[in-house]
Amino acid sequence: MKYRLLMLLFGMFCSAAWAEESPLLQAWQSVTGAESPVVLVPNAQYLRVNVAGNEAYLVADPVSEIDGRPLETWYSADRVILRLQDGRVAALIGTMAEWRQVSQLAAPDWRAAARAEAPLHWVRVRDVLPDYRYGVRDALTLRRIDAPDDSQLRALSAQTLTWFEETTEDGSLPPARYAVNLAGERAVVMYGEQCLTPAYCLTWQRWTGGQATK
């Protein structure tokens, strides 16, 4: 409990320091503005992030693991940090709506979820800014769905991926959606949609430099 409180106080300090520089969406807009266009290195790997029509291309640190599941850390040009654990948001830092720390308690395996005949249930615990709430528990339901026709997926066929919808059982957040490539040795989330608040949602997609946008 003491550790989580210290992390929350640290988050309050960082948010106050960054609030003026990184209001909602500014982090993404500064990367895509006309004065500083994005230059992507051919064949380099990025995360293409979209918030309210504003795009950014984030770069990654080497992948680490927590509880045997991959944890990816991605950075924008002006210090926004997005962490994904097995394709779900594990942290978003540097925007006005932040999840400082997320515990994915027994999150379902993607292959098992694809085979499941009934929806799967699990629990997420998160620390939230700017409301300074920690230990927020979400009861979640995950189910396989058909490929939607209204996603922000680009340059890939939605039909080649396996799609899932994840909902909060109390309806406190809009549904999240994930598109997973199950063809390889390891299941890889290629695309995701997730809301941190009812009004603040983002999409992300794995992206290669030089890839066509349409």
Protein backbone atom coordinates (compact mmCIF):
# COMPACT_ATOMS: atom_id res chain seq x y z
CA MET A 1 0.00 0.00 0.00
CA LYS A 2 2.84 2.40 0.87
CA TYR A 3 4.53 1.69 -2.49
CA ARG A 4 1.33 2.38 -4.43
CA LEU A 5 0.82 5.64 -2.51
CA LEU A 6 4.38 6.76 -3.29
CA MET A 7 3.84 5.93 -6.96
CA LEU A 8 0.63 7.95 -6.96
CA LEU A 9 2.32 10.97 -5.35
CA PHE A 10 5.10 10.72 -7.95
CA GLY A 11 2.45 10.66 -10.66
CA MET A 12 0.83 13.80 -9.23
CA PHE A 13 4.18 15.60 -9.36
CA CYS A 14 4.87 14.52 -12.94
CA SER A 15 1.39 15.41 -14.11
CA ALA A 16 1.64 18.89 -12.62
CA ALA A 17 5.01 19.39 -14.29
CA TRP A 18 3.74 18.23 -17.69
CA ALA A 19 0.20 19.59 -17.64
CA GLU A 20 1.07 22.91 -19.26
CA GLU A 21 3.24 21.29 -21.93
CA SER A 22 1.00 18.29 -22.64
CA PRO A 23 -2.70 19.04 -22.40
CA LEU A 24 -5.10 16.49 -23.86
CA LEU A 25 -4.13 15.74 -27.49
CA GLN A 26 -1.19 18.17 -27.60
CA ALA A 27 1.23 15.30 -27.19
CA TRP A 28 -0.06 13.73 -30.40
CA GLN A 29 -0.58 17.00 -32.30
CA SER A 30 2.99 18.14 -31.77
CA VAL A 31 4.26 15.00 -33.48
CA THR A 32 1.99 15.38 -36.50
CA GLY A 33 2.03 19.15 -36.97
CA ALA A 34 2.95 20.70 -40.31
CA GLU A 35 6.02 22.42 -38.86
CA SER A 36 7.60 19.11 -37.81
CA PRO A 37 6.37 16.32 -40.08
CA VAL A 38 6.98 12.72 -39.09
CA VAL A 39 9.87 11.00 -40.84
CA LEU A 40 9.71 7.23 -40.43
CA VAL A 41 12.76 5.04 -40.92
CA PRO A 42 12.01 2.39 -43.58
CA ASN A 43 11.34 -1.05 -42.06
CA ALA A 44 11.69 0.27 -38.49
CA GLN A 45 8.92 -0.70 -36.08
CA TYR A 46 6.54 1.91 -34.65
CA LEU A 47 3.21 2.13 -32.89
CA ARG A 48 0.72 4.24 -34.83
CA VAL A 49 -1.53 5.94 -32.26
CA ASN A 50 -4.69 7.91 -33.03
CA VAL A 51 -6.52 10.17 -30.58
CA ALA A 52 -9.53 12.12 -31.89
CA GLY A 53 -8.14 12.10 -35.43
CA ASN A 54 -4.61 13.12 -34.40
CA GLU A 55 -1.85 10.62 -35.17
CA ALA A 56 1.52 9.95 -33.61
CA TYR A 57 4.16 7.32 -34.31
CA LEU A 58 5.76 6.03 -31.13
CA VAL A 59 9.09 4.22 -30.82
CA ALA A 60 9.82 1.35 -28.43
CA ASP A 61 12.27 0.26 -25.79
CA PRO A 62 13.29 -3.40 -25.76
CA VAL A 63 10.46 -5.66 -24.62
CA SER A 64 10.49 -6.83 -21.01
CA GLU A 65 8.23 -9.27 -19.16
CA ILE A 66 5.98 -9.16 -16.09
CA ASP A 67 4.50 -12.40 -14.82
CA GLY A 68 5.71 -14.15 -17.97
CA ARG A 69 3.83 -11.80 -20.30
CA PRO A 70 5.48 -9.24 -22.61
CA LEU A 71 5.54 -5.59 -21.51
CA GLU A 72 6.25 -3.02 -24.24
CA THR A 73 7.15 0.62 -23.55
CA TRP A 74 6.53 3.14 -26.35
CA TYR A 75 7.54 6.82 -26.43
CA SER A 76 6.24 9.83 -28.36
CA ALA A 77 8.38 12.81 -29.38
CA ASP A 78 7.30 14.87 -26.38
CA ARG A 79 7.51 12.41 -23.52
CA VAL A 80 4.20 10.61 -23.64
CA ILE A 81 4.79 7.02 -22.47
CA LEU A 82 2.46 4.19 -23.44
CA ARG A 83 2.98 0.73 -21.98
CA LEU A 84 1.22 -2.31 -23.39
CA GLN A 85 1.14 -5.67 -21.65
CA ASP A 86 0.12 -8.45 -24.00
CA GLY A 87 -1.64 -5.81 -26.11
CA ARG A 88 -3.59 -4.04 -23.35
CA VAL A 89 -2.82 -0.61 -21.83
CA ALA A 90 -0.55 -1.15 -18.82
CA ALA A 91 0.17 2.56 -18.38
CA LEU A 92 -0.31 5.88 -20.17
CA ILE A 93 1.74 8.77 -18.80
CA GLY A 94 2.07 12.34 -20.04
CA THR A 95 -1.53 13.15 -20.96
CA MET A 96 -4.25 14.67 -18.80
CA ALA A 97 -6.04 11.32 -18.60
CA GLU A 98 -3.50 8.88 -17.21
CA TRP A 99 -3.33 5.33 -15.97
CA ARG A 100 -0.14 5.35 -13.92
CA GLN A 101 -0.04 1.65 -13.13
CA VAL A 102 -2.20 -1.28 -14.16
CA SER A 103 -2.28 -4.81 -12.76
CA GLN A 104 -3.73 -7.33 -15.19
CA LEU A 105 -4.94 -10.01 -12.78
CA ALA A 106 -5.13 -13.35 -14.61
CA ALA A 107 -5.83 -11.73 -17.99
CA PRO A 108 -7.04 -14.41 -20.43
CA ASP A 109 -4.64 -15.89 -22.94
CA TRP A 110 -5.60 -14.82 -26.48
CA ARG A 111 -5.55 -18.34 -27.92
CA ALA A 112 -7.67 -19.63 -25.06
CA ALA A 113 -10.08 -16.73 -25.55
CA ALA A 114 -10.35 -17.55 -29.26
CA ARG A 115 -11.30 -21.15 -28.44
CA ALA A 116 -13.67 -20.32 -25.58
CA GLU A 117 -17.33 -21.11 -26.15
CA ALA A 118 -18.48 -18.57 -23.56
CA PRO A 119 -17.20 -15.09 -22.55
CA LEU A 120 -14.26 -15.02 -20.14
CA HIS A 121 -14.11 -12.90 -16.97
CA TRP A 122 -11.17 -11.29 -15.20
CA VAL A 123 -10.19 -8.29 -13.04
CA ARG A 124 -8.01 -5.25 -13.73
CA VAL A 125 -6.66 -2.89 -11.04
CA ARG A 126 -5.45 0.58 -12.01
CA ASP A 127 -4.15 3.86 -10.55
CA VAL A 128 -5.78 6.88 -12.22
CA LEU A 129 -4.89 10.55 -12.69
CA PRO A 130 -5.93 13.39 -12.52
CA ASP A 131 -8.50 12.18 -9.96
CA TYR A 132 -5.70 10.67 -7.84
CA ARG A 133 -7.56 7.38 -7.41
CA TYR A 134 -5.59 4.19 -6.86
CA GLY A 135 -6.65 0.59 -6.70
CA VAL A 136 -9.63 1.09 -9.02
CA ARG A 137 -10.98 -2.39 -9.81
CA ASP A 138 -12.68 -3.24 -13.09
CA ALA A 139 -14.54 -6.51 -13.57
CA LEU A 140 -14.07 -7.30 -17.27
CA THR A 141 -15.71 -9.61 -19.80
CA LEU A 142 -13.82 -10.73 -22.92
CA ARG A 143 -15.49 -12.34 -25.92
CA ARG A 144 -14.59 -13.08 -29.53
CA ILE A 145 -16.39 -10.98 -32.16
CA ASP A 146 -16.59 -10.73 -35.93
CA ALA A 147 -14.22 -8.33 -37.66
CA PRO A 148 -15.83 -4.85 -37.47
CA ASP A 149 -16.13 -2.49 -40.42
CA ASP A 150 -15.69 0.72 -38.40
CA SER A 151 -12.16 0.37 -36.98
CA GLN A 152 -9.10 2.56 -37.60
CA LEU A 153 -7.11 -0.41 -38.88
CA ARG A 154 -4.97 0.54 -41.90
CA ALA A 155 -2.91 -1.40 -44.45
CA LEU A 156 -4.07 -4.76 -43.06
CA SER A 157 -7.14 -6.82 -43.81
CA ALA A 158 -9.38 -7.05 -40.74
CA GLN A 159 -10.43 -10.52 -41.90
CA THR A 160 -6.91 -11.90 -41.41
CA LEU A 161 -6.99 -11.10 -37.67
CA THR A 162 -8.98 -12.51 -34.76
CA TRP A 163 -11.09 -9.85 -33.03
CA PHE A 164 -12.15 -9.52 -29.41
CA GLU A 165 -14.33 -7.14 -27.42
CA GLU A 166 -13.66 -6.42 -23.77
CA THR A 167 -16.29 -4.68 -21.63
CA THR A 168 -16.47 -3.42 -18.05
CA GLU A 169 -19.29 -5.26 -16.32
CA ASP A 170 -20.57 -2.02 -14.72
CA GLY A 171 -20.50 -0.13 -18.04
CA SER A 172 -18.18 2.56 -16.63
CA LEU A 173 -16.01 2.63 -19.78
CA PRO A 174 -16.78 2.07 -23.47
CA PRO A 175 -15.88 -1.38 -24.82
CA ALA A 176 -12.30 -2.07 -25.86
CA ARG A 177 -11.49 -4.01 -29.04
CA TYR A 178 -8.39 -5.95 -29.99
CA ALA A 179 -7.27 -7.53 -33.27
CA VAL A 180 -4.85 -10.41 -32.74
CA ASN A 181 -2.60 -12.30 -35.12
CA LEU A 182 -2.78 -15.93 -34.02
CA ALA A 183 -0.89 -17.33 -37.01
CA GLY A 184 2.57 -17.24 -35.49
CA GLU A 185 4.23 -19.03 -32.60
CA ARG A 186 3.14 -16.22 -30.26
CA ALA A 187 -0.20 -14.40 -30.35
CA VAL A 188 0.42 -10.73 -31.22
CA VAL A 189 -2.09 -7.92 -30.76
CA MET A 190 -1.74 -5.94 -33.98
CA TYR A 191 -4.41 -3.30 -33.25
CA GLY A 192 -6.32 -2.08 -30.22
CA GLU A 193 -8.97 0.41 -29.15
CA GLN A 194 -9.28 1.38 -25.50
CA CYS A 195 -10.80 4.22 -23.46
CA LEU A 196 -9.16 5.55 -20.30
CA THR A 197 -12.23 7.64 -19.48
CA PRO A 198 -15.66 7.74 -21.14
CA ALA A 199 -14.43 10.74 -23.18
CA TYR A 200 -10.74 9.91 -23.77
CA CYS A 201 -10.14 7.00 -26.16
CA LEU A 202 -7.23 5.96 -28.32
CA THR A 203 -6.41 3.41 -30.96
CA TRP A 204 -3.02 1.91 -31.73
CA GLN A 205 -1.58 -0.29 -34.45
CA ARG A 206 1.79 -1.91 -35.00
CA TRP A 207 3.40 -0.07 -37.89
CA THR A 208 6.44 -0.45 -40.13
CA GLY A 209 8.27 2.55 -41.57
CA GLY A 210 7.40 2.93 -45.26
CA GLN A 211 4.09 1.09 -44.89
CA ALA A 212 1.21 2.50 -46.95
CA THR A 213 -1.38 4.38 -44.92
CA LYS A 214 -4.47 3.24 -46.85
